[in-house]
């Protein structure tokens, strides 16, 4: 390719609709997905010290150290760097801490992907996040998250794979408040970092899925002719 691969960093609170936009963007541009959660789930399957340690930390609800996350990013980036005709990469929910933001910048520069990268914040209020999360259900099989309106909250089967939808214990009001506080404390400085260096684009996440996607498309297409 003549043009550098498109790198999209998607940030947003729980319930902001990042997952839905990730799927739309992957389909539209043929992007490869890099999610820290997915990388950790795969790595913990390996029967070695690192795999067992990751499994133990995750299973006990604790936070994985930044150097571990960074090492997984670098391995995945190396794999993608060697991919023929790489269209681009979408990073979902990472970086999550200011240290990770600095390391991400260095990693993108190292792999020569820093010239065509964009940071997008899908922004919703805490009130909207609470309203969405406390109503949603997740598929017990494929992990598909369903946000319900008042009219369809009784649906119990995943429209994607046909398996049972469940309510996660931490999608309670109290659990959601804790996640929002964590987002403010940990991800807030990341957002400020990107805002201060002119890298951040804020997308109104309280619109329809289509309107959010259209706003993201407008931002991506800004540099198409540059």
C-alpha atoms as a PDB file:
ATOM      1  CA  UNK A   1       0.000   0.000   0.000  1.00  0.00           C
ATOM      2  CA  UNK A   2       1.125   3.520  -0.687  1.00  0.00           C
ATOM      3  CA  UNK A   3      -0.755   4.910   2.275  1.00  0.00           C
ATOM      4  CA  UNK A   4       0.051   3.984   5.864  1.00  0.00           C
ATOM      5  CA  UNK A   5      -2.428   1.587   7.498  1.00  0.00           C
ATOM      6  CA  UNK A   6      -5.266   3.337   9.326  1.00  0.00           C
ATOM      7  CA  UNK A   7      -4.855   3.131  13.108  1.00  0.00           C
ATOM      8  CA  UNK A   8      -7.968   3.864  15.169  1.00  0.00           C
ATOM      9  CA  UNK A   9      -7.857   4.099  18.962  1.00  0.00           C
ATOM     10  CA  UNK A  10     -11.406   3.923  20.342  1.00  0.00           C
ATOM     11  CA  UNK A  11     -12.040   5.160  23.891  1.00  0.00           C
ATOM     12  CA  UNK A  12     -15.286   5.358  25.825  1.00  0.00           C
ATOM     13  CA  UNK A  13     -17.073   4.481  29.034  1.00  0.00           C
ATOM     14  CA  UNK A  14     -18.792   1.152  29.528  1.00  0.00           C
ATOM     15  CA  UNK A  15     -22.071   1.359  27.655  1.00  0.00           C
ATOM     16  CA  UNK A  16     -20.814   3.917  25.145  1.00  0.00           C
ATOM     17  CA  UNK A  17     -21.328   1.543  22.214  1.00  0.00           C
ATOM     18  CA  UNK A  18     -17.653   1.020  21.357  1.00  0.00           C
ATOM     19  CA  UNK A  19     -18.203  -2.642  20.588  1.00  0.00           C
ATOM     20  CA  UNK A  20     -20.911  -1.917  18.036  1.00  0.00           C
ATOM     21  CA  UNK A  21     -18.782   0.699  16.290  1.00  0.00           C
ATOM     22  CA  UNK A  22     -15.782  -1.647  16.283  1.00  0.00           C
ATOM     23  CA  UNK A  23     -17.787  -4.225  14.336  1.00  0.00           C
ATOM     24  CA  UNK A  24     -19.049  -1.610  11.839  1.00  0.00           C
ATOM     25  CA  UNK A  25     -15.553  -0.194  11.292  1.00  0.00           C
ATOM     26  CA  UNK A  26     -13.972  -3.622  10.897  1.00  0.00           C
ATOM     27  CA  UNK A  27     -16.509  -4.466   8.215  1.00  0.00           C
ATOM     28  CA  UNK A  28     -16.218  -1.101   6.452  1.00  0.00           C
ATOM     29  CA  UNK A  29     -12.423  -0.901   6.242  1.00  0.00           C
ATOM     30  CA  UNK A  30     -11.259  -4.493   6.740  1.00  0.00           C
ATOM     31  CA  UNK A  31      -9.438  -3.522   9.929  1.00  0.00           C
ATOM     32  CA  UNK A  32      -7.682  -5.968  12.230  1.00  0.00           C
ATOM     33  CA  UNK A  33      -8.903  -5.848  15.807  1.00  0.00           C
ATOM     34  CA  UNK A  34      -6.573  -5.515  18.791  1.00  0.00           C
ATOM     35  CA  UNK A  35      -8.249  -5.634  22.187  1.00  0.00           C
ATOM     36  CA  UNK A  36      -6.308  -6.041  25.412  1.00  0.00           C
ATOM     37  CA  UNK A  37      -9.037  -8.257  26.855  1.00  0.00           C
ATOM     38  CA  UNK A  38      -8.910 -10.614  23.907  1.00  0.00           C
ATOM     39  CA  UNK A  39      -5.092 -10.760  23.978  1.00  0.00           C
ATOM     40  CA  UNK A  40      -5.126 -11.594  27.688  1.00  0.00           C
ATOM     41  CA  UNK A  41      -7.777 -14.298  27.279  1.00  0.00           C
ATOM     42  CA  UNK A  42      -5.716 -15.958  24.575  1.00  0.00           C
ATOM     43  CA  UNK A  43      -2.422 -15.648  26.478  1.00  0.00           C
ATOM     44  CA  UNK A  44      -3.802 -17.144  29.679  1.00  0.00           C
ATOM     45  CA  UNK A  45      -4.529 -20.383  27.798  1.00  0.00           C
ATOM     46  CA  UNK A  46      -0.781 -21.023  27.433  1.00  0.00           C
ATOM     47  CA  UNK A  47       0.492 -23.437  30.078  1.00  0.00           C
ATOM     48  CA  UNK A  48       3.523 -21.467  31.297  1.00  0.00           C
ATOM     49  CA  UNK A  49       4.266 -19.052  34.136  1.00  0.00           C
ATOM     50  CA  UNK A  50       2.937 -16.001  32.269  1.00  0.00           C
ATOM     51  CA  UNK A  51      -0.248 -17.751  31.211  1.00  0.00           C
ATOM     52  CA  UNK A  52      -0.944 -19.058  34.709  1.00  0.00           C
ATOM     53  CA  UNK A  53      -0.165 -15.692  36.292  1.00  0.00           C
ATOM     54  CA  UNK A  54      -2.491 -13.850  33.907  1.00  0.00           C
ATOM     55  CA  UNK A  55      -5.257 -16.399  34.552  1.00  0.00           C
ATOM     56  CA  UNK A  56      -4.855 -16.012  38.316  1.00  0.00           C
ATOM     57  CA  UNK A  57      -4.948 -12.213  38.191  1.00  0.00           C
ATOM     58  CA  UNK A  58      -7.962 -12.086  35.849  1.00  0.00           C
ATOM     59  CA  UNK A  59      -9.919 -14.796  37.663  1.00  0.00           C
ATOM     60  CA  UNK A  60      -9.525 -12.896  40.934  1.00  0.00           C
ATOM     61  CA  UNK A  61     -10.744  -9.643  39.403  1.00  0.00           C
ATOM     62  CA  UNK A  62      -7.402  -7.851  39.651  1.00  0.00           C
ATOM     63  CA  UNK A  63      -5.649  -5.527  37.187  1.00  0.00           C
ATOM     64  CA  UNK A  64      -2.988  -6.775  34.791  1.00  0.00           C
ATOM     65  CA  UNK A  65       0.263  -4.814  35.007  1.00  0.00           C
ATOM     66  CA  UNK A  66       1.083  -2.423  32.159  1.00  0.00           C
ATOM     67  CA  UNK A  67       4.343  -4.206  31.134  1.00  0.00           C
ATOM     68  CA  UNK A  68       2.353  -7.406  30.541  1.00  0.00           C
ATOM     69  CA  UNK A  69      -0.187  -5.611  28.367  1.00  0.00           C
ATOM     70  CA  UNK A  70       2.581  -3.844  26.484  1.00  0.00           C
ATOM     71  CA  UNK A  71       4.430  -7.087  25.741  1.00  0.00           C
ATOM     72  CA  UNK A  72       1.235  -8.554  24.270  1.00  0.00           C
ATOM     73  CA  UNK A  73       0.690  -5.451  22.125  1.00  0.00           C
ATOM     74  CA  UNK A  74       4.203  -5.688  20.731  1.00  0.00           C
ATOM     75  CA  UNK A  75       3.815  -9.361  19.848  1.00  0.00           C
ATOM     76  CA  UNK A  76       0.494  -8.684  18.118  1.00  0.00           C
ATOM     77  CA  UNK A  77       1.844  -5.617  16.298  1.00  0.00           C
ATOM     78  CA  UNK A  78       4.796  -7.653  15.006  1.00  0.00           C
ATOM     79  CA  UNK A  79       2.363 -10.265  13.681  1.00  0.00           C
ATOM     80  CA  UNK A  80       0.297  -7.589  11.945  1.00  0.00           C
ATOM     81  CA  UNK A  81       3.364  -5.792  10.578  1.00  0.00           C
ATOM     82  CA  UNK A  82       4.164  -8.945   8.626  1.00  0.00           C
ATOM     83  CA  UNK A  83       0.642  -9.277   7.257  1.00  0.00           C
ATOM     84  CA  UNK A  84       0.286  -8.708   3.522  1.00  0.00           C
ATOM     85  CA  UNK A  85      -1.934  -5.772   2.559  1.00  0.00           C
ATOM     86  CA  UNK A  86      -2.678  -4.639   6.115  1.00  0.00           C
ATOM     87  CA  UNK A  87      -5.601  -2.218   5.858  1.00  0.00           C
ATOM     88  CA  UNK A  88      -5.366  -0.969   9.406  1.00  0.00           C
ATOM     89  CA  UNK A  89      -5.884  -1.698  13.077  1.00  0.00           C
ATOM     90  CA  UNK A  90      -8.612  -0.792  15.523  1.00  0.00           C
ATOM     91  CA  UNK A  91      -7.688  -0.683  19.222  1.00  0.00           C
ATOM     92  CA  UNK A  92     -10.673  -1.042  21.507  1.00  0.00           C
ATOM     93  CA  UNK A  93     -10.500   0.507  24.962  1.00  0.00           C
ATOM     94  CA  UNK A  94      -6.718   0.831  25.048  1.00  0.00           C
ATOM     95  CA  UNK A  95      -4.729   2.595  26.360  1.00  0.00           C
ATOM     96  CA  UNK A  96      -6.449   2.465  29.743  1.00  0.00           C
ATOM     97  CA  UNK A  97      -3.789   4.293  31.788  1.00  0.00           C
ATOM     98  CA  UNK A  98      -1.526   7.262  31.119  1.00  0.00           C
ATOM     99  CA  UNK A  99       1.551   4.990  31.170  1.00  0.00           C
ATOM    100  CA  UNK A 100      -0.081   2.884  28.479  1.00  0.00           C
ATOM    101  CA  UNK A 101      -0.755   6.003  26.384  1.00  0.00           C
ATOM    102  CA  UNK A 102       2.941   6.894  26.360  1.00  0.00           C
ATOM    103  CA  UNK A 103       3.912   3.327  25.500  1.00  0.00           C
ATOM    104  CA  UNK A 104       1.279   3.132  22.767  1.00  0.00           C
ATOM    105  CA  UNK A 105       2.682   6.255  21.124  1.00  0.00           C
ATOM    106  CA  UNK A 106       6.180   4.773  21.171  1.00  0.00           C
ATOM    107  CA  UNK A 107       4.935   1.425  19.835  1.00  0.00           C
ATOM    108  CA  UNK A 108       3.090   3.039  16.919  1.00  0.00           C
ATOM    109  CA  UNK A 109       6.176   5.076  16.080  1.00  0.00           C
ATOM    110  CA  UNK A 110       8.379   1.972  16.309  1.00  0.00           C
ATOM    111  CA  UNK A 111       6.201   0.090  13.825  1.00  0.00           C
ATOM    112  CA  UNK A 112       5.944   3.209  11.608  1.00  0.00           C
ATOM    113  CA  UNK A 113       2.191   3.515  12.053  1.00  0.00           C
ATOM    114  CA  UNK A 114       2.092   6.915  13.738  1.00  0.00           C
ATOM    115  CA  UNK A 115       1.406   8.974  10.585  1.00  0.00           C
ATOM    116  CA  UNK A 116      -2.177   7.817  10.047  1.00  0.00           C
ATOM    117  CA  UNK A 117      -3.529   7.250  13.553  1.00  0.00           C
ATOM    118  CA  UNK A 118      -6.663   8.726  15.087  1.00  0.00           C
ATOM    119  CA  UNK A 119      -7.965   8.765  18.657  1.00  0.00           C
ATOM    120  CA  UNK A 120     -11.749   8.794  18.994  1.00  0.00           C
ATOM    121  CA  UNK A 121     -13.699   9.201  22.235  1.00  0.00           C
ATOM    122  CA  UNK A 122     -17.308   8.017  22.049  1.00  0.00           C
ATOM    123  CA  UNK A 123     -18.653  10.271  24.758  1.00  0.00           C
ATOM    124  CA  UNK A 124     -21.739   9.661  26.886  1.00  0.00           C
ATOM    125  CA  UNK A 125     -22.769  11.048  30.267  1.00  0.00           C
ATOM    126  CA  UNK A 126     -22.574   8.969  33.444  1.00  0.00           C
ATOM    127  CA  UNK A 127     -26.373   9.040  33.585  1.00  0.00           C
ATOM    128  CA  UNK A 128     -26.636   7.591  30.067  1.00  0.00           C
ATOM    129  CA  UNK A 129     -24.017   4.943  30.865  1.00  0.00           C
ATOM    130  CA  UNK A 130     -25.931   3.849  33.972  1.00  0.00           C
ATOM    131  CA  UNK A 131     -29.224   3.726  32.068  1.00  0.00           C
ATOM    132  CA  UNK A 132     -27.711   1.585  29.307  1.00  0.00           C
ATOM    133  CA  UNK A 133     -25.632  -0.803  31.406  1.00  0.00           C
ATOM    134  CA  UNK A 134     -28.296  -1.595  33.990  1.00  0.00           C
ATOM    135  CA  UNK A 135     -30.685  -2.578  31.165  1.00  0.00           C
ATOM    136  CA  UNK A 136     -28.304  -4.623  29.033  1.00  0.00           C
ATOM    137  CA  UNK A 137     -27.763  -8.374  28.781  1.00  0.00           C
ATOM    138  CA  UNK A 138     -24.861 -10.413  27.393  1.00  0.00           C
ATOM    139  CA  UNK A 139     -24.847 -13.654  25.422  1.00  0.00           C
ATOM    140  CA  UNK A 140     -23.561 -16.566  27.489  1.00  0.00           C
ATOM    141  CA  UNK A 141     -22.024 -18.084  24.351  1.00  0.00           C
ATOM    142  CA  UNK A 142     -20.612 -15.425  21.988  1.00  0.00           C
ATOM    143  CA  UNK A 143     -20.360 -12.440  24.364  1.00  0.00           C
ATOM    144  CA  UNK A 144     -22.656 -10.285  22.226  1.00  0.00           C
ATOM    145  CA  UNK A 145     -23.944  -7.354  24.308  1.00  0.00           C
ATOM    146  CA  UNK A 146     -27.580  -6.358  23.840  1.00  0.00           C
ATOM    147  CA  UNK A 147     -28.873  -2.956  24.922  1.00  0.00           C
ATOM    148  CA  UNK A 148     -32.611  -3.024  25.572  1.00  0.00           C
ATOM    149  CA  UNK A 149     -35.325  -0.423  25.366  1.00  0.00           C
ATOM    150  CA  UNK A 150     -38.426  -0.626  27.573  1.00  0.00           C
ATOM    151  CA  UNK A 151     -40.292  -2.479  24.818  1.00  0.00           C
ATOM    152  CA  UNK A 152     -37.885  -5.378  24.274  1.00  0.00           C
ATOM    153  CA  UNK A 153     -36.290  -6.008  27.676  1.00  0.00           C
ATOM    154  CA  UNK A 154     -37.960  -9.425  27.915  1.00  0.00           C
ATOM    155  CA  UNK A 155     -35.945 -10.851  24.990  1.00  0.00           C
ATOM    156  CA  UNK A 156     -33.823 -13.701  26.347  1.00  0.00           C
ATOM    157  CA  UNK A 157     -32.216 -15.215  23.227  1.00  0.00           C
ATOM    158  CA  UNK A 158     -29.154 -13.797  21.435  1.00  0.00           C
ATOM    159  CA  UNK A 159     -30.091 -12.658  17.903  1.00  0.00           C
ATOM    160  CA  UNK A 160     -26.513 -13.384  16.784  1.00  0.00           C
ATOM    161  CA  UNK A 161     -26.084 -17.041  17.782  1.00  0.00           C
ATOM    162  CA  UNK A 162     -29.372 -18.120  19.364  1.00  0.00           C
ATOM    163  CA  UNK A 163     -27.974 -18.826  22.825  1.00  0.00           C
ATOM    164  CA  UNK A 164     -29.239 -17.560  26.177  1.00  0.00           C
ATOM    165  CA  UNK A 165     -28.810 -13.944  27.241  1.00  0.00           C
ATOM    166  CA  UNK A 166     -27.779 -13.327  30.838  1.00  0.00           C
ATOM    167  CA  UNK A 167     -27.525 -10.348  33.172  1.00  0.00           C
ATOM    168  CA  UNK A 168     -23.963  -9.863  34.474  1.00  0.00           C
ATOM    169  CA  UNK A 169     -23.730  -9.329  38.250  1.00  0.00           C
ATOM    170  CA  UNK A 170     -21.468  -6.276  37.811  1.00  0.00           C
ATOM    171  CA  UNK A 171     -24.013  -4.592  35.527  1.00  0.00           C
ATOM    172  CA  UNK A 172     -25.873  -3.471  38.646  1.00  0.00           C
ATOM    173  CA  UNK A 173     -26.170   0.194  39.620  1.00  0.00           C
ATOM    174  CA  UNK A 174     -23.387  -0.181  42.196  1.00  0.00           C
ATOM    175  CA  UNK A 175     -21.113  -2.061  39.802  1.00  0.00           C
ATOM    176  CA  UNK A 176     -21.641   0.507  37.082  1.00  0.00           C
ATOM    177  CA  UNK A 177     -20.831   3.386  39.434  1.00  0.00           C
ATOM    178  CA  UNK A 178     -17.540   1.690  40.341  1.00  0.00           C
ATOM    179  CA  UNK A 179     -16.597   1.271  36.657  1.00  0.00           C
ATOM    180  CA  UNK A 180     -17.409   4.895  35.916  1.00  0.00           C
ATOM    181  CA  UNK A 181     -15.239   6.033  38.826  1.00  0.00           C
ATOM    182  CA  UNK A 182     -12.399   3.841  37.531  1.00  0.00           C
ATOM    183  CA  UNK A 183     -12.821   5.345  34.061  1.00  0.00           C
ATOM    184  CA  UNK A 184     -12.607   8.862  35.469  1.00  0.00           C
ATOM    185  CA  UNK A 185      -9.517   8.076  37.555  1.00  0.00           C
ATOM    186  CA  UNK A 186      -7.545   5.918  35.100  1.00  0.00           C
ATOM    187  CA  UNK A 187      -8.742   6.772  31.586  1.00  0.00           C
ATOM    188  CA  UNK A 188      -9.468  10.442  32.313  1.00  0.00           C
ATOM    189  CA  UNK A 189      -5.754  11.398  32.199  1.00  0.00           C
ATOM    190  CA  UNK A 190      -5.400   9.466  28.909  1.00  0.00           C
ATOM    191  CA  UNK A 191      -8.201  11.521  27.387  1.00  0.00           C
ATOM    192  CA  UNK A 192      -6.594  14.746  28.623  1.00  0.00           C
ATOM    193  CA  UNK A 193      -3.236  13.661  27.202  1.00  0.00           C
ATOM    194  CA  UNK A 194      -4.651  13.136  23.714  1.00  0.00           C
ATOM    195  CA  UNK A 195      -6.746  16.301  23.971  1.00  0.00           C
ATOM    196  CA  UNK A 196      -3.744  18.428  24.963  1.00  0.00           C
ATOM    197  CA  UNK A 197      -1.626  17.208  22.061  1.00  0.00           C
ATOM    198  CA  UNK A 198      -4.433  17.781  19.539  1.00  0.00           C
ATOM    199  CA  UNK A 199      -5.013  14.098  18.812  1.00  0.00           C
ATOM    200  CA  UNK A 200      -8.484  13.617  20.297  1.00  0.00           C
ATOM    201  CA  UNK A 201     -11.794  13.719  18.424  1.00  0.00           C
ATOM    202  CA  UNK A 202     -14.920  13.600  20.581  1.00  0.00           C
ATOM    203  CA  UNK A 203     -17.936  11.804  19.100  1.00  0.00           C
ATOM    204  CA  UNK A 204     -21.397  12.272  20.624  1.00  0.00           C
ATOM    205  CA  UNK A 205     -22.270   8.735  21.705  1.00  0.00           C
ATOM    206  CA  UNK A 206     -25.838   9.579  22.704  1.00  0.00           C
ATOM    207  CA  UNK A 207     -27.006   9.568  19.094  1.00  0.00           C
ATOM    208  CA  UNK A 208     -28.284   6.602  17.125  1.00  0.00           C
ATOM    209  CA  UNK A 209     -25.762   3.917  16.130  1.00  0.00           C
ATOM    210  CA  UNK A 210     -25.950   5.165  12.536  1.00  0.00           C
ATOM    211  CA  UNK A 211     -25.328   8.801  13.506  1.00  0.00           C
ATOM    212  CA  UNK A 212     -22.308   7.853  15.655  1.00  0.00           C
ATOM    213  CA  UNK A 213     -20.897   5.811  12.774  1.00  0.00           C
ATOM    214  CA  UNK A 214     -21.439   8.669  10.318  1.00  0.00           C
ATOM    215  CA  UNK A 215     -19.576  11.094  12.601  1.00  0.00           C
ATOM    216  CA  UNK A 216     -16.676   8.641  12.864  1.00  0.00           C
ATOM    217  CA  UNK A 217     -16.646   8.276   9.072  1.00  0.00           C
ATOM    218  CA  UNK A 218     -16.473  12.053   8.626  1.00  0.00           C
ATOM    219  CA  UNK A 219     -13.420  12.195  10.884  1.00  0.00           C
ATOM    220  CA  UNK A 220     -11.678   9.353   9.062  1.00  0.00           C
ATOM    221  CA  UNK A 221     -12.412  10.842   5.646  1.00  0.00           C
ATOM    222  CA  UNK A 222     -10.982  14.250   6.574  1.00  0.00           C
ATOM    223  CA  UNK A 223      -7.475  13.182   5.529  1.00  0.00           C
ATOM    224  CA  UNK A 224      -8.437  11.015   2.570  1.00  0.00           C
ATOM    225  CA  UNK A 225      -7.066  13.432   0.028  1.00  0.00           C
ATOM    226  CA  UNK A 226      -3.975  14.443   1.992  1.00  0.00           C
END
